[in-house]
N, C-alpha and C. Protein backbone atom coordinates (compact mmCIF):
# COMPACT_ATOMS: atom_id res chain seq x y z
N MET A 1 22.27 -16.62 8.84
CA MET A 1 21.83 -17.55 8.47
C MET A 1 22.23 -17.95 7.25
N THR A 2 22.33 -19.04 6.84
CA THR A 2 22.47 -20.16 6.09
C THR A 2 21.76 -20.60 5.39
N LEU A 3 21.04 -20.56 3.54
CA LEU A 3 20.31 -20.81 3.12
C LEU A 3 20.04 -22.70 2.70
N PRO A 4 19.40 -23.04 3.08
CA PRO A 4 19.55 -24.92 2.67
C PRO A 4 19.20 -24.48 1.51
N ILE A 5 19.26 -23.85 0.08
CA ILE A 5 19.36 -23.84 -1.31
C ILE A 5 19.79 -22.67 -2.19
N ASP A 6 20.00 -22.85 -2.74
CA ASP A 6 20.66 -21.38 -3.48
C ASP A 6 20.14 -21.04 -4.63
N PRO A 7 19.42 -19.58 -3.50
CA PRO A 7 18.57 -18.90 -4.65
C PRO A 7 18.99 -18.45 -6.29
N SER A 8 20.12 -18.45 -6.62
CA SER A 8 20.57 -18.03 -7.19
C SER A 8 20.51 -19.39 -8.54
N GLN A 9 19.67 -20.66 -7.72
CA GLN A 9 19.88 -21.91 -8.88
C GLN A 9 18.53 -22.13 -8.89
N ILE A 10 17.75 -21.36 -8.55
CA ILE A 10 15.94 -20.92 -8.37
C ILE A 10 15.94 -20.43 -9.75
N ASP A 11 14.92 -21.31 -10.91
CA ASP A 11 14.75 -21.10 -12.08
C ASP A 11 13.35 -20.36 -11.89
N PRO A 12 12.58 -19.06 -12.39
CA PRO A 12 11.68 -18.76 -12.31
C PRO A 12 10.44 -19.50 -12.87
N GLU A 13 10.88 -20.24 -13.69
CA GLU A 13 9.94 -21.59 -13.58
C GLU A 13 9.62 -22.24 -12.00
N ASP A 14 10.50 -22.74 -11.62
CA ASP A 14 10.50 -23.35 -10.56
C ASP A 14 9.52 -22.91 -9.21
N ILE A 15 9.51 -21.89 -9.53
CA ILE A 15 8.57 -21.23 -8.67
C ILE A 15 7.01 -20.50 -9.20
N GLY A 16 7.07 -21.03 -10.40
CA GLY A 16 5.69 -20.90 -11.09
C GLY A 16 5.58 -19.19 -11.59
N GLU A 17 6.23 -18.63 -11.66
CA GLU A 17 6.55 -17.07 -11.95
C GLU A 17 6.20 -16.53 -13.23
N GLN A 18 5.05 -15.91 -12.95
CA GLN A 18 4.22 -15.11 -14.26
C GLN A 18 4.08 -13.47 -14.25
N GLN A 19 4.44 -12.98 -15.09
CA GLN A 19 4.17 -11.38 -15.34
C GLN A 19 3.60 -11.40 -16.21
N ALA A 20 2.87 -9.92 -16.74
CA ALA A 20 2.35 -9.02 -17.55
C ALA A 20 2.25 -7.66 -17.24
N THR A 21 2.39 -7.02 -18.53
CA THR A 21 2.47 -5.40 -18.03
C THR A 21 1.04 -4.84 -18.81
N LEU A 22 0.55 -4.29 -18.30
CA LEU A 22 -1.15 -3.57 -18.59
C LEU A 22 -0.60 -2.22 -18.72
N GLU A 23 -1.23 -1.59 -19.71
CA GLU A 23 -1.39 0.20 -20.47
C GLU A 23 -2.64 0.55 -19.87
N MET A 24 -2.94 0.53 -18.31
CA MET A 24 -3.97 1.33 -18.20
C MET A 24 -3.98 1.91 -16.63
N SER A 25 -4.71 2.35 -16.30
CA SER A 25 -4.38 3.20 -14.62
C SER A 25 -4.83 2.74 -13.71
N HIS A 26 -4.14 2.01 -12.56
CA HIS A 26 -3.77 1.33 -11.60
C HIS A 26 -5.48 0.77 -11.23
N GLU A 27 -6.10 1.78 -10.95
CA GLU A 27 -7.49 1.34 -10.46
C GLU A 27 -7.67 0.29 -11.53
N ASP A 28 -8.02 0.68 -13.06
CA ASP A 28 -8.80 0.06 -14.23
C ASP A 28 -8.12 -1.74 -13.94
N ALA A 29 -6.47 -1.75 -13.88
CA ALA A 29 -5.45 -2.59 -13.19
C ALA A 29 -6.40 -3.40 -12.54
N ILE A 30 -6.76 -3.61 -11.49
CA ILE A 30 -7.13 -4.15 -10.28
C ILE A 30 -8.14 -4.33 -10.61
N GLU A 31 -9.31 -3.77 -10.65
CA GLU A 31 -10.32 -4.21 -11.87
C GLU A 31 -10.38 -5.42 -12.43
N HIS A 32 -9.82 -5.02 -13.57
CA HIS A 32 -9.21 -5.91 -14.58
C HIS A 32 -9.06 -7.29 -14.60
N VAL A 33 -7.82 -7.04 -13.57
CA VAL A 33 -7.30 -8.47 -13.15
C VAL A 33 -8.18 -9.62 -12.17
N ARG A 34 -8.84 -8.77 -11.48
CA ARG A 34 -9.65 -9.12 -10.48
C ARG A 34 -10.75 -10.14 -10.92
N ASP A 35 -11.09 -9.02 -12.29
CA ASP A 35 -12.25 -9.98 -13.23
C ASP A 35 -11.87 -10.86 -14.07
N VAL A 36 -10.39 -10.81 -14.18
CA VAL A 36 -9.87 -11.59 -15.54
C VAL A 36 -10.29 -13.28 -14.32
N PHE A 37 -9.36 -13.29 -13.20
CA PHE A 37 -9.01 -14.09 -12.41
C PHE A 37 -10.47 -14.56 -11.62
N THR A 38 -11.12 -14.29 -11.34
CA THR A 38 -12.81 -13.99 -10.91
C THR A 38 -13.04 -15.63 -12.33
N ASP A 39 -12.81 -14.87 -13.26
CA ASP A 39 -13.45 -15.61 -14.83
C ASP A 39 -12.91 -16.43 -14.64
N ALA A 40 -11.25 -16.37 -14.53
CA ALA A 40 -10.74 -18.55 -14.61
C ALA A 40 -10.83 -19.13 -13.51
N GLY A 41 -11.84 -18.62 -12.54
CA GLY A 41 -12.29 -19.70 -11.48
C GLY A 41 -11.85 -19.09 -9.96
N PHE A 42 -11.05 -18.51 -9.81
CA PHE A 42 -10.38 -17.85 -8.15
C PHE A 42 -11.62 -17.08 -7.90
N GLY A 43 -11.33 -17.21 -6.72
CA GLY A 43 -12.10 -16.16 -5.83
C GLY A 43 -11.08 -15.31 -5.33
N VAL A 44 -11.73 -14.04 -4.82
CA VAL A 44 -10.79 -12.91 -4.06
C VAL A 44 -10.96 -12.98 -2.82
N PRO A 45 -10.97 -13.59 -1.60
CA PRO A 45 -10.84 -13.60 -0.42
C PRO A 45 -10.67 -12.09 0.83
N VAL A 46 -9.52 -11.38 -0.24
CA VAL A 46 -8.99 -11.15 0.45
C VAL A 46 -7.57 -9.86 -0.07
N GLU A 47 -7.97 -8.65 -0.23
CA GLU A 47 -7.16 -7.48 -0.91
C GLU A 47 -7.18 -6.22 -0.20
N PHE A 48 -5.67 -6.30 -0.18
CA PHE A 48 -5.34 -4.85 0.43
C PHE A 48 -4.08 -3.78 -0.04
N SER A 49 -4.32 -2.79 -0.33
CA SER A 49 -3.10 -2.28 -0.31
C SER A 49 -2.18 -1.99 0.45
N PRO A 50 -0.84 -2.47 0.29
CA PRO A 50 0.07 -1.79 1.18
C PRO A 50 0.41 -1.17 1.01
N SER A 51 1.09 -0.51 -0.08
CA SER A 51 1.50 1.03 -0.29
C SER A 51 0.40 1.77 0.00
N GLU A 52 -0.65 1.68 0.48
CA GLU A 52 -1.81 2.46 1.23
C GLU A 52 -1.52 2.79 2.67
N MET A 53 -1.67 1.54 3.18
CA MET A 53 -0.86 0.90 3.86
C MET A 53 0.64 1.87 4.71
N LEU A 54 1.81 1.45 4.33
CA LEU A 54 2.89 2.20 4.71
C LEU A 54 3.37 3.59 4.39
N ASN A 55 2.52 4.30 3.54
CA ASN A 55 2.60 5.79 2.85
C ASN A 55 1.86 5.97 4.07
N GLU A 56 0.32 5.63 4.71
CA GLU A 56 -0.27 6.41 5.91
C GLU A 56 0.52 6.06 7.57
N LYS A 57 0.86 5.33 7.73
CA LYS A 57 1.73 4.89 8.87
C LYS A 57 2.66 5.15 8.92
N ILE A 58 3.51 5.39 8.25
CA ILE A 58 4.65 5.45 7.90
C ILE A 58 5.91 6.32 6.76
N ASP A 59 4.99 7.01 6.32
CA ASP A 59 5.26 8.02 5.40
C ASP A 59 5.76 7.56 4.76
N ALA A 60 5.69 6.57 3.50
CA ALA A 60 6.27 5.94 3.35
C ALA A 60 6.43 6.19 1.23
N ASP A 61 6.22 7.47 1.24
CA ASP A 61 5.37 7.40 -0.33
C ASP A 61 6.24 6.21 -1.19
N ARG A 62 5.54 5.43 -1.30
CA ARG A 62 5.19 3.80 -2.07
C ARG A 62 4.82 4.58 -3.79
N ASP A 63 4.54 4.28 -4.65
CA ASP A 63 3.80 3.98 -5.66
C ASP A 63 2.75 3.19 -5.61
N PRO A 64 1.25 3.42 -6.29
CA PRO A 64 0.46 2.57 -5.96
C PRO A 64 0.87 0.41 -5.88
N TYR A 65 0.57 -0.09 -5.51
CA TYR A 65 1.06 -1.62 -5.08
C TYR A 65 -0.61 -2.08 -4.42
N TYR A 66 -0.99 -3.03 -4.93
CA TYR A 66 -1.99 -3.31 -4.47
C TYR A 66 -1.91 -5.49 -4.55
N VAL A 67 -1.95 -6.01 -3.61
CA VAL A 67 -2.34 -7.17 -3.17
C VAL A 67 -4.14 -7.81 -3.79
N LEU A 68 -4.46 -8.78 -4.55
CA LEU A 68 -5.50 -9.82 -4.59
C LEU A 68 -4.87 -10.96 -3.85
N GLY A 69 -5.70 -11.55 -3.26
CA GLY A 69 -5.37 -12.53 -2.31
C GLY A 69 -6.40 -13.21 -2.99
N ALA A 70 -5.85 -14.35 -3.80
CA ALA A 70 -6.56 -15.43 -4.83
C ALA A 70 -6.75 -16.74 -4.56
N CYS A 71 -7.94 -17.43 -4.76
CA CYS A 71 -7.96 -19.07 -3.62
C CYS A 71 -9.18 -19.44 -4.72
N ASN A 72 -8.44 -20.84 -6.21
CA ASN A 72 -9.63 -21.42 -6.18
C ASN A 72 -10.00 -22.70 -5.36
N PRO A 73 -11.26 -22.30 -4.59
CA PRO A 73 -11.90 -23.36 -3.91
C PRO A 73 -11.83 -24.93 -3.97
N GLU A 74 -11.65 -25.36 -5.02
CA GLU A 74 -11.39 -27.14 -5.14
C GLU A 74 -10.21 -26.78 -5.46
N VAL A 75 -9.45 -26.56 -5.53
CA VAL A 75 -7.69 -26.62 -5.80
C VAL A 75 -7.29 -26.51 -4.10
N ALA A 76 -7.36 -25.17 -3.66
CA ALA A 76 -7.46 -25.39 -2.28
C ALA A 76 -7.63 -26.07 -1.21
N ASP A 77 -9.17 -26.82 -1.14
CA ASP A 77 -9.29 -27.46 -0.85
C ASP A 77 -8.23 -29.05 -0.96
N ARG A 78 -8.18 -29.76 -1.94
CA ARG A 78 -6.94 -30.70 -1.78
C ARG A 78 -5.86 -30.20 -2.11
N ALA A 79 -5.23 -29.00 -2.00
CA ALA A 79 -3.28 -28.91 -1.74
C ALA A 79 -3.95 -28.62 0.06
N LEU A 80 -4.66 -28.39 1.08
CA LEU A 80 -4.80 -28.35 1.87
C LEU A 80 -4.41 -29.80 2.45
N ASP A 81 -5.86 -31.24 1.61
CA ASP A 81 -5.60 -32.17 2.42
C ASP A 81 -3.85 -32.89 2.03
N ALA A 82 -4.05 -32.19 1.19
CA ALA A 82 -2.32 -33.12 0.49
C ALA A 82 -1.12 -32.61 1.49
N THR A 83 -1.14 -31.67 2.06
CA THR A 83 -0.19 -31.27 3.26
C THR A 83 -0.76 -31.02 4.34
N ASP A 84 -1.50 -31.69 4.34
CA ASP A 84 -1.75 -31.83 6.35
C ASP A 84 -1.71 -30.99 6.60
N ASN A 85 -2.61 -29.62 5.82
CA ASN A 85 -2.77 -28.14 6.79
C ASN A 85 -1.87 -27.43 6.12
N LYS A 86 -0.65 -27.81 5.87
CA LYS A 86 0.86 -26.37 6.32
C LYS A 86 0.64 -25.63 5.00
N LEU A 87 -0.15 -25.63 3.99
CA LEU A 87 -0.53 -25.07 2.72
C LEU A 87 -0.79 -23.63 2.97
N GLY A 88 -1.93 -24.03 4.40
CA GLY A 88 -2.39 -23.07 4.69
C GLY A 88 -1.91 -21.34 4.99
N GLY A 89 -0.42 -22.07 5.49
CA GLY A 89 0.59 -20.91 5.80
C GLY A 89 0.77 -19.98 4.98
N LEU A 90 0.86 -20.25 3.36
CA LEU A 90 0.84 -19.73 2.45
C LEU A 90 -0.26 -19.14 1.55
N MET A 91 -1.49 -19.33 2.03
CA MET A 91 -2.40 -18.93 1.09
C MET A 91 -2.69 -17.66 1.37
N ALA A 92 -3.30 -16.92 0.83
CA ALA A 92 -4.12 -16.68 -0.89
C ALA A 92 -2.77 -16.97 -1.63
N CYS A 93 -3.25 -17.59 -2.82
CA CYS A 93 -2.61 -16.97 -3.99
C CYS A 93 -2.57 -15.81 -4.35
N ASN A 94 -1.18 -15.10 -3.85
CA ASN A 94 -1.40 -13.37 -4.26
C ASN A 94 -1.26 -13.57 -5.96
N VAL A 95 -1.95 -12.11 -6.02
CA VAL A 95 -1.61 -11.64 -7.79
C VAL A 95 -1.31 -10.44 -6.78
N VAL A 96 -0.01 -9.54 -7.34
CA VAL A 96 0.45 -8.15 -7.62
C VAL A 96 0.12 -7.52 -8.14
N ILE A 97 -0.09 -5.86 -8.32
CA ILE A 97 -0.31 -5.17 -9.33
C ILE A 97 0.25 -3.76 -8.53
N TRP A 98 1.68 -3.79 -9.20
CA TRP A 98 2.29 -2.07 -8.91
C TRP A 98 2.30 -1.55 -10.54
N GLU A 99 2.58 -0.01 -9.78
CA GLU A 99 2.50 1.05 -11.19
C GLU A 99 4.39 1.28 -11.18
N GLU A 100 4.35 0.43 -12.62
CA GLU A 100 5.64 1.55 -12.88
C GLU A 100 5.75 2.05 -13.28
N GLU A 101 5.02 2.97 -13.75
CA GLU A 101 4.76 4.46 -14.12
C GLU A 101 3.05 4.55 -14.77
N PRO A 102 2.71 6.23 -14.36
CA PRO A 102 1.03 6.33 -14.77
C PRO A 102 0.91 5.56 -15.94
N GLY A 103 0.15 4.70 -15.79
CA GLY A 103 -0.63 4.27 -17.01
C GLY A 103 0.05 2.97 -17.30
N GLN A 104 1.23 2.36 -16.81
CA GLN A 104 1.58 1.28 -17.08
C GLN A 104 2.05 0.61 -15.17
N GLN A 105 1.06 -0.56 -15.73
CA GLN A 105 0.87 -1.89 -13.79
C GLN A 105 2.19 -2.76 -14.82
N ARG A 106 2.22 -3.72 -13.76
CA ARG A 106 2.91 -4.98 -13.64
C ARG A 106 2.23 -5.64 -13.01
N VAL A 107 2.02 -6.77 -13.43
CA VAL A 107 0.87 -7.79 -12.66
C VAL A 107 2.15 -8.88 -12.45
N TYR A 108 1.90 -9.60 -11.42
CA TYR A 108 3.32 -10.45 -11.06
C TYR A 108 2.38 -11.56 -10.14
N HIS A 109 2.72 -12.74 -9.95
CA HIS A 109 2.32 -14.09 -9.52
C HIS A 109 3.30 -15.63 -9.41
N VAL A 110 3.79 -15.81 -8.72
CA VAL A 110 4.30 -16.97 -7.74
C VAL A 110 3.51 -17.89 -7.52
N SER A 111 3.38 -18.98 -7.99
CA SER A 111 3.07 -19.95 -7.50
C SER A 111 3.38 -20.81 -5.69
N ILE A 112 2.04 -20.23 -4.96
CA ILE A 112 2.31 -20.92 -3.22
C ILE A 112 2.43 -22.70 -3.53
N MET A 113 1.66 -23.22 -4.64
CA MET A 113 2.24 -24.41 -4.62
C MET A 113 3.71 -24.85 -5.38
N ARG A 114 4.18 -24.28 -6.17
CA ARG A 114 5.50 -25.46 -6.39
C ARG A 114 6.29 -24.35 -5.10
N ILE A 115 6.30 -23.47 -4.55
CA ILE A 115 7.25 -23.08 -3.82
C ILE A 115 6.93 -24.22 -2.22
N ALA A 116 5.92 -24.22 -2.09
CA ALA A 116 5.42 -25.16 -0.85
C ALA A 116 6.60 -26.82 -0.89
N ARG A 117 6.28 -27.00 -2.30
CA ARG A 117 6.94 -28.02 -2.81
C ARG A 117 8.71 -28.24 -2.84
N LEU A 118 8.85 -26.83 -3.30
CA LEU A 118 9.87 -26.85 -3.04
C LEU A 118 10.79 -26.17 -1.73
N VAL A 119 10.00 -25.95 -0.67
CA VAL A 119 10.65 -25.52 0.51
C VAL A 119 10.13 -27.32 1.68
N GLY A 120 9.56 -28.34 0.77
CA GLY A 120 9.51 -29.14 2.04
C GLY A 120 8.08 -29.29 2.67
N MET A 121 7.25 -28.37 2.53
CA MET A 121 5.76 -28.23 3.28
C MET A 121 4.78 -28.72 2.18
N ALA A 122 5.26 -29.22 0.90
CA ALA A 122 4.05 -30.48 0.69
C ALA A 122 4.86 -31.09 -0.10
N PRO A 123 4.25 -32.94 -0.29
CA PRO A 123 4.99 -33.42 -0.97
C PRO A 123 5.30 -33.84 -2.41
N ASP A 124 6.22 -34.78 -2.78
CA ASP A 124 6.63 -34.65 -4.09
C ASP A 124 6.18 -36.02 -4.29
N ASN A 125 4.65 -35.96 -4.40
CA ASN A 125 3.86 -37.25 -5.04
C ASN A 125 3.52 -36.96 -6.08
N GLU A 126 2.50 -37.63 -6.73
CA GLU A 126 1.69 -37.76 -8.06
C GLU A 126 0.66 -37.01 -7.63
N GLU A 127 -0.25 -36.37 -6.68
CA GLU A 127 -1.52 -35.99 -6.03
C GLU A 127 -1.04 -34.82 -6.09
N MET A 128 0.72 -34.23 -5.12
CA MET A 128 0.54 -32.55 -5.62
C MET A 128 0.91 -32.59 -6.60
N ALA A 129 1.66 -33.39 -7.63
CA ALA A 129 1.55 -33.38 -8.71
C ALA A 129 0.48 -32.47 -9.58
N ASP A 130 -0.35 -33.31 -9.72
CA ASP A 130 -1.49 -32.77 -10.17
C ASP A 130 -2.25 -31.54 -9.50
N ILE A 131 -1.67 -31.13 -8.43
CA ILE A 131 -2.29 -29.78 -7.92
C ILE A 131 -2.43 -28.76 -8.50
N VAL A 132 -0.56 -28.88 -8.45
CA VAL A 132 0.21 -27.98 -9.33
C VAL A 132 0.71 -27.92 -10.63
N ALA A 133 -0.35 -28.89 -11.49
CA ALA A 133 -0.50 -28.53 -13.25
C ALA A 133 -1.78 -28.17 -12.86
N ASP A 134 -3.08 -28.32 -12.19
CA ASP A 134 -4.17 -27.94 -12.37
C ASP A 134 -4.36 -26.16 -11.82
N THR A 135 -3.63 -25.92 -10.70
CA THR A 135 -3.35 -24.71 -10.53
C THR A 135 -2.51 -23.49 -11.63
N GLY A 136 -1.44 -24.33 -12.25
CA GLY A 136 -0.73 -23.72 -13.19
C GLY A 136 -1.61 -23.11 -14.30
N ASP A 137 -2.26 -24.39 -14.83
CA ASP A 137 -3.16 -24.31 -15.83
C ASP A 137 -4.38 -23.39 -15.53
N ILE A 138 -5.19 -22.92 -14.73
CA ILE A 138 -6.20 -22.10 -14.17
C ILE A 138 -5.05 -20.73 -14.16
N VAL A 139 -3.90 -20.31 -13.46
CA VAL A 139 -3.22 -19.49 -13.56
C VAL A 139 -2.84 -19.27 -15.06
N ASP A 140 -2.22 -19.83 -15.90
CA ASP A 140 -2.31 -19.87 -17.44
C ASP A 140 -3.22 -18.96 -17.91
N GLU A 141 -4.35 -19.75 -18.20
CA GLU A 141 -5.28 -18.82 -18.58
C GLU A 141 -5.90 -17.36 -18.61
N ALA A 142 -5.64 -17.13 -16.62
CA ALA A 142 -6.27 -15.71 -16.29
C ALA A 142 -5.14 -15.29 -17.30
N PHE A 143 -3.62 -15.42 -17.31
CA PHE A 143 -2.73 -14.72 -17.50
C PHE A 143 -2.91 -14.38 -19.20
N GLN A 144 -3.35 -15.19 -19.90
CA GLN A 144 -3.90 -15.19 -21.25
C GLN A 144 -4.38 -14.35 -21.39
N ASN A 145 -5.31 -14.12 -20.51
CA ASN A 145 -6.75 -13.12 -20.64
C ASN A 145 -6.18 -11.76 -20.22
N LEU A 146 -4.97 -11.71 -19.50
CA LEU A 146 -4.94 -10.40 -19.28
C LEU A 146 -4.48 -8.67 -20.13
């Protein structure tokens, strides 16, 4: 399969990539990230541990890895309208926490709004630009408070 775009040409900013390192236990980091994103206006309707599932199901021996499926209801509603419901295929806005080493956790996020525009699931218009900007502001606030 040939990709229609060259991934090496995508800048991390194009996909709204953000990262932070937290010096705390994995469990404390999950709680902290959940609290910070909730305070910034996100709900967390979905969360799970891929590492626990993979370790249990296929004995993968993975280090702690956790996904918080964050969602700002107002922005999500606008984005679904702007994309004729297609953005739902990428929801929720995942915030991932993985253990780099004991006591050191990586927090990682990419913007599903930016990715949807990049791959043509969302229109390249002012309405979607406003949604991308609003979501970016909320995520920026959360990352500043980590």
